[in-house]
Protein backbone atom coordinates (compact mmCIF):
# COMPACT_ATOMS: atom_id res chain seq x y z
CA MET A 1 -4.65 8.91 -30.24
CA SER A 2 -4.63 12.27 -31.98
CA THR A 3 -7.34 13.24 -34.43
CA ASP A 4 -5.01 15.53 -36.38
CA LYS A 5 -4.78 14.65 -40.05
CA VAL A 6 -1.44 13.83 -41.63
CA VAL A 7 -1.07 14.37 -45.33
CA VAL A 8 1.46 12.97 -47.76
CA SER A 9 4.84 14.68 -47.46
CA ASP A 10 4.13 15.90 -43.89
CA THR A 11 6.77 14.61 -41.51
CA VAL A 12 5.53 13.27 -38.20
CA ARG A 13 7.89 12.85 -35.25
CA ILE A 14 7.02 9.86 -33.10
CA THR A 15 8.57 10.29 -29.65
CA VAL A 16 8.50 7.91 -26.69
CA LYS A 17 9.94 8.14 -23.19
CA PHE A 18 10.61 4.87 -21.40
CA LYS A 19 9.81 4.89 -17.66
CA ASP A 20 9.24 2.42 -14.87
CA ILE A 21 8.26 2.51 -11.20
CA ASP A 22 10.95 1.38 -8.76
CA SER A 23 10.35 -0.61 -5.56
CA ASN A 24 9.76 2.65 -3.64
CA GLY A 25 7.01 3.75 -6.02
CA ILE A 26 9.20 6.40 -7.64
CA GLU A 27 9.09 6.89 -11.40
CA VAL A 28 12.51 6.25 -12.96
CA ASP A 29 13.77 6.51 -16.53
CA LEU A 30 14.54 3.26 -18.33
CA GLN A 31 17.58 3.02 -20.59
CA PRO A 32 16.81 0.54 -23.38
CA VAL A 33 19.72 -0.83 -25.42
CA SER A 34 17.88 -0.32 -28.70
CA VAL A 35 14.41 0.72 -29.84
CA SER A 36 12.67 -0.51 -33.00
CA VAL A 37 9.88 1.29 -34.83
CA ILE A 38 7.35 -0.73 -36.80
CA ILE A 39 4.62 1.10 -38.73
CA LYS A 40 1.85 -0.84 -40.44
CA ASN A 41 -0.73 0.29 -42.97
CA SER A 42 -4.48 -0.31 -42.76
CA SER A 43 -3.98 -3.79 -44.26
CA ASN A 44 -1.58 -4.63 -41.42
CA ALA A 45 1.38 -4.76 -43.82
CA VAL A 46 4.66 -3.40 -42.47
CA VAL A 47 5.66 -0.16 -44.23
CA VAL A 48 8.50 0.80 -41.85
CA SER A 49 10.76 -1.35 -39.72
CA GLU A 50 13.71 0.71 -38.50
CA SER A 51 15.65 1.69 -35.42
CA ALA A 52 14.67 4.83 -33.54
CA ASP A 53 17.15 7.62 -32.79
CA SER A 54 17.85 8.63 -29.21
CA LEU A 55 17.48 12.12 -27.76
CA THR A 56 18.52 10.95 -24.29
CA GLN A 57 19.10 7.55 -22.69
CA SER A 58 15.34 7.16 -22.14
CA ILE A 59 13.79 9.25 -24.96
CA TYR A 60 13.73 7.97 -28.53
CA TYR A 61 12.22 9.37 -31.73
CA TYR A 62 11.55 8.47 -35.34
CA ASP A 63 10.69 10.96 -38.10
CA TYR A 64 8.18 9.48 -40.56
CA THR A 65 7.00 10.95 -43.84
CA PRO A 66 4.07 9.05 -45.39
CA PRO A 67 4.80 8.11 -49.00
CA ILE A 68 2.58 8.77 -51.98
CA SER A 69 0.72 5.54 -52.68
């Protein structure tokens, strides 16, 4: 996990690449049908529950801007 600080109104891009290892031990890209993003606060309450956007068939992202609370 990064130790960089995020402040209110800074947008953070969360990116994930889905991969697997095939029967020959070769890393292959996975192609999920859909990807959900769930972000919880320090009280474990859900603050975001949305679908991620795709960059490719195996790479998805979500841009998050923390609200003023």
